[in-house]
Amino acid sequence: MIISFKKNVAEISSKQKWLVLGILVALVNPIFSGLIVSFGFLTEPALRKEGKIVLVVSLVWSVVLAMIMNWLKNGGYL
């Protein structure tokens, strides 16, 4: 006997998947991977908007991390 259940699945569009993936990569490693992924998105006409978003997130996050590292160095934590 086989019982099947219908599942409520949240579907995410392909663009949203790539945007979320790009932002996660930019947050983990903003300087190299974030910039590479954002430039890859910018080369695709369908993903230009997402590429700009990932590029901005990557640049802003790298500046924030640099400021945090400088603050930690000056405080003697690093």
N, C-alpha and C. Protein backbone atom coordinates (compact mmCIF):
# COMPACT_ATOMS: atom_id res chain seq x y z
N MET A 1 0.84 -1.16 0.00
CA MET A 1 0.00 0.00 0.00
C MET A 1 0.89 1.24 0.00
N ILE A 2 0.65 2.14 -0.92
CA ILE A 2 1.43 3.37 -1.04
C ILE A 2 0.54 4.55 -0.70
N ILE A 3 1.01 5.35 0.22
CA ILE A 3 0.27 6.55 0.60
C ILE A 3 1.07 7.75 0.12
N SER A 4 0.43 8.64 -0.60
CA SER A 4 1.13 9.84 -1.08
C SER A 4 0.52 11.07 -0.43
N PHE A 5 1.40 11.96 -0.08
CA PHE A 5 0.98 13.22 0.52
C PHE A 5 1.38 14.36 -0.39
N LYS A 6 0.51 15.33 -0.53
CA LYS A 6 0.87 16.51 -1.28
C LYS A 6 1.66 17.43 -0.36
N LYS A 7 2.77 17.91 -0.86
CA LYS A 7 3.62 18.80 -0.05
C LYS A 7 3.48 20.23 -0.54
N ASN A 8 3.45 21.14 0.39
CA ASN A 8 3.48 22.55 0.02
C ASN A 8 4.94 22.94 -0.15
N VAL A 9 5.31 23.18 -1.35
CA VAL A 9 6.69 23.51 -1.67
C VAL A 9 6.76 24.96 -2.11
N ALA A 10 7.67 25.69 -1.50
CA ALA A 10 7.88 27.08 -1.91
C ALA A 10 8.80 27.08 -3.12
N GLU A 11 8.30 27.56 -4.21
CA GLU A 11 9.11 27.60 -5.41
C GLU A 11 9.80 28.95 -5.52
N ILE A 12 11.08 28.91 -5.82
CA ILE A 12 11.88 30.11 -5.98
C ILE A 12 12.29 30.18 -7.44
N SER A 13 12.14 31.34 -8.04
CA SER A 13 12.51 31.46 -9.44
C SER A 13 14.02 31.31 -9.60
N SER A 14 14.43 31.01 -10.80
CA SER A 14 15.85 30.79 -11.07
C SER A 14 16.69 32.03 -10.76
N LYS A 15 16.16 33.22 -11.09
CA LYS A 15 16.90 34.45 -10.81
C LYS A 15 17.08 34.64 -9.32
N GLN A 16 16.05 34.35 -8.54
CA GLN A 16 16.15 34.51 -7.10
C GLN A 16 17.15 33.53 -6.51
N LYS A 17 17.20 32.32 -7.03
CA LYS A 17 18.18 31.34 -6.55
C LYS A 17 19.59 31.85 -6.77
N TRP A 18 19.85 32.36 -7.96
CA TRP A 18 21.19 32.85 -8.28
C TRP A 18 21.52 34.08 -7.45
N LEU A 19 20.54 34.94 -7.19
CA LEU A 19 20.77 36.12 -6.38
C LEU A 19 21.13 35.73 -4.95
N VAL A 20 20.37 34.82 -4.37
CA VAL A 20 20.65 34.37 -3.00
C VAL A 20 22.01 33.69 -2.94
N LEU A 21 22.31 32.84 -3.91
CA LEU A 21 23.61 32.18 -3.95
C LEU A 21 24.74 33.19 -4.07
N GLY A 22 24.57 34.17 -4.93
CA GLY A 22 25.60 35.20 -5.11
C GLY A 22 25.83 36.01 -3.86
N ILE A 23 24.75 36.37 -3.17
CA ILE A 23 24.89 37.15 -1.93
C ILE A 23 25.58 36.31 -0.86
N LEU A 24 25.24 35.04 -0.76
CA LEU A 24 25.91 34.18 0.23
C LEU A 24 27.39 34.04 -0.06
N VAL A 25 27.76 33.88 -1.32
CA VAL A 25 29.16 33.80 -1.68
C VAL A 25 29.87 35.11 -1.36
N ALA A 26 29.22 36.23 -1.64
CA ALA A 26 29.81 37.54 -1.36
C ALA A 26 30.00 37.76 0.14
N LEU A 27 29.10 37.23 0.96
CA LEU A 27 29.24 37.39 2.40
C LEU A 27 30.34 36.51 2.97
N VAL A 28 30.52 35.32 2.40
CA VAL A 28 31.56 34.41 2.90
C VAL A 28 32.94 34.90 2.50
N ASN A 29 33.12 35.31 1.26
CA ASN A 29 34.42 35.77 0.78
C ASN A 29 34.19 36.94 -0.17
N PRO A 30 34.09 38.17 0.38
CA PRO A 30 33.64 39.30 -0.44
C PRO A 30 34.65 39.77 -1.47
N ILE A 31 35.91 39.65 -1.20
CA ILE A 31 36.89 40.28 -2.08
C ILE A 31 37.08 39.48 -3.36
N PHE A 32 37.33 38.20 -3.25
CA PHE A 32 37.62 37.42 -4.45
C PHE A 32 36.38 36.74 -5.02
N SER A 33 35.78 35.88 -4.26
CA SER A 33 34.64 35.11 -4.79
C SER A 33 33.45 36.00 -5.08
N GLY A 34 33.16 36.95 -4.20
CA GLY A 34 32.02 37.84 -4.43
C GLY A 34 32.17 38.65 -5.70
N LEU A 35 33.38 39.15 -5.93
CA LEU A 35 33.60 39.93 -7.15
C LEU A 35 33.55 39.05 -8.39
N ILE A 36 34.10 37.86 -8.32
CA ILE A 36 34.09 36.96 -9.47
C ILE A 36 32.66 36.56 -9.83
N VAL A 37 31.86 36.21 -8.82
CA VAL A 37 30.47 35.82 -9.08
C VAL A 37 29.69 37.01 -9.64
N SER A 38 29.89 38.20 -9.06
CA SER A 38 29.14 39.36 -9.56
C SER A 38 29.53 39.71 -10.98
N PHE A 39 30.81 39.61 -11.32
CA PHE A 39 31.20 39.88 -12.71
C PHE A 39 30.67 38.80 -13.65
N GLY A 40 30.58 37.57 -13.16
CA GLY A 40 29.97 36.50 -13.96
C GLY A 40 28.50 36.79 -14.22
N PHE A 41 27.79 37.28 -13.21
CA PHE A 41 26.38 37.64 -13.38
C PHE A 41 26.24 38.81 -14.35
N LEU A 42 27.15 39.76 -14.28
CA LEU A 42 27.05 40.94 -15.15
C LEU A 42 27.25 40.59 -16.62
N THR A 43 27.92 39.49 -16.91
CA THR A 43 28.11 39.09 -18.31
C THR A 43 26.85 38.46 -18.90
N GLU A 44 25.94 38.01 -18.05
CA GLU A 44 24.69 37.41 -18.53
C GLU A 44 23.60 38.48 -18.60
N PRO A 45 23.01 38.70 -19.77
CA PRO A 45 21.99 39.76 -19.89
C PRO A 45 20.79 39.56 -18.96
N ALA A 46 20.42 38.33 -18.69
CA ALA A 46 19.25 38.07 -17.84
C ALA A 46 19.55 38.30 -16.36
N LEU A 47 20.83 38.32 -15.98
CA LEU A 47 21.20 38.43 -14.57
C LEU A 47 21.94 39.73 -14.25
N ARG A 48 21.82 40.74 -15.09
CA ARG A 48 22.56 41.99 -14.86
C ARG A 48 22.12 42.68 -13.57
N LYS A 49 20.83 42.72 -13.31
CA LYS A 49 20.34 43.37 -12.10
C LYS A 49 20.86 42.65 -10.85
N GLU A 50 20.81 41.33 -10.86
CA GLU A 50 21.31 40.55 -9.74
C GLU A 50 22.82 40.72 -9.58
N GLY A 51 23.52 40.84 -10.71
CA GLY A 51 24.97 41.05 -10.66
C GLY A 51 25.33 42.37 -10.00
N LYS A 52 24.56 43.40 -10.28
CA LYS A 52 24.80 44.70 -9.65
C LYS A 52 24.56 44.63 -8.15
N ILE A 53 23.51 43.91 -7.75
CA ILE A 53 23.20 43.77 -6.33
C ILE A 53 24.32 43.03 -5.61
N VAL A 54 24.77 41.93 -6.20
CA VAL A 54 25.85 41.14 -5.58
C VAL A 54 27.14 41.95 -5.53
N LEU A 55 27.42 42.73 -6.56
CA LEU A 55 28.62 43.56 -6.58
C LEU A 55 28.60 44.59 -5.45
N VAL A 56 27.45 45.24 -5.26
CA VAL A 56 27.34 46.23 -4.19
C VAL A 56 27.47 45.57 -2.82
N VAL A 57 26.80 44.44 -2.63
CA VAL A 57 26.90 43.72 -1.36
C VAL A 57 28.34 43.31 -1.09
N SER A 58 29.02 42.82 -2.12
CA SER A 58 30.41 42.39 -1.97
C SER A 58 31.32 43.55 -1.59
N LEU A 59 31.18 44.67 -2.26
CA LEU A 59 32.03 45.83 -1.97
C LEU A 59 31.75 46.41 -0.59
N VAL A 60 30.48 46.55 -0.25
CA VAL A 60 30.12 47.11 1.06
C VAL A 60 30.59 46.18 2.18
N TRP A 61 30.38 44.88 2.02
CA TRP A 61 30.78 43.93 3.06
C TRP A 61 32.30 43.89 3.21
N SER A 62 33.04 44.01 2.13
CA SER A 62 34.51 44.01 2.24
C SER A 62 35.00 45.25 2.99
N VAL A 63 34.36 46.40 2.78
CA VAL A 63 34.73 47.62 3.51
C VAL A 63 34.40 47.46 4.99
N VAL A 64 33.22 46.91 5.28
CA VAL A 64 32.83 46.69 6.68
C VAL A 64 33.80 45.74 7.37
N LEU A 65 34.17 44.66 6.70
CA LEU A 65 35.13 43.72 7.29
C LEU A 65 36.49 44.36 7.51
N ALA A 66 36.93 45.20 6.59
CA ALA A 66 38.20 45.90 6.77
C ALA A 66 38.16 46.82 7.98
N MET A 67 37.04 47.51 8.17
CA MET A 67 36.90 48.39 9.33
C MET A 67 36.87 47.60 10.63
N ILE A 68 36.20 46.45 10.63
CA ILE A 68 36.15 45.61 11.83
C ILE A 68 37.54 45.07 12.16
N MET A 69 38.26 44.63 11.14
CA MET A 69 39.63 44.12 11.37
C MET A 69 40.53 45.21 11.91
N ASN A 70 40.42 46.41 11.39
CA ASN A 70 41.22 47.54 11.88
C ASN A 70 40.87 47.85 13.32
N TRP A 71 39.60 47.84 13.65
CA TRP A 71 39.16 48.09 15.02
C TRP A 71 39.69 47.02 15.97
N LEU A 72 39.65 45.75 15.53
CA LEU A 72 40.16 44.66 16.36
C LEU A 72 41.67 44.76 16.57
N LYS A 73 42.40 45.17 15.52
CA LYS A 73 43.85 45.35 15.66
C LYS A 73 44.18 46.46 16.65
N ASN A 74 43.49 47.60 16.51
CA ASN A 74 43.74 48.73 17.40
C ASN A 74 43.36 48.42 18.84
N GLY A 75 42.42 47.55 19.05
CA GLY A 75 42.00 47.17 20.39
C GLY A 75 42.87 46.11 21.00
N GLY A 76 43.81 45.57 20.24
CA GLY A 76 44.70 44.55 20.75
C GLY A 76 44.13 43.15 20.75
N TYR A 77 43.01 42.95 20.05
CA TYR A 77 42.40 41.62 19.99
C TYR A 77 43.07 40.73 18.96
N LEU A 78 43.67 41.33 17.95
CA LEU A 78 44.34 40.54 16.92
C LEU A 78 45.82 40.80 16.94
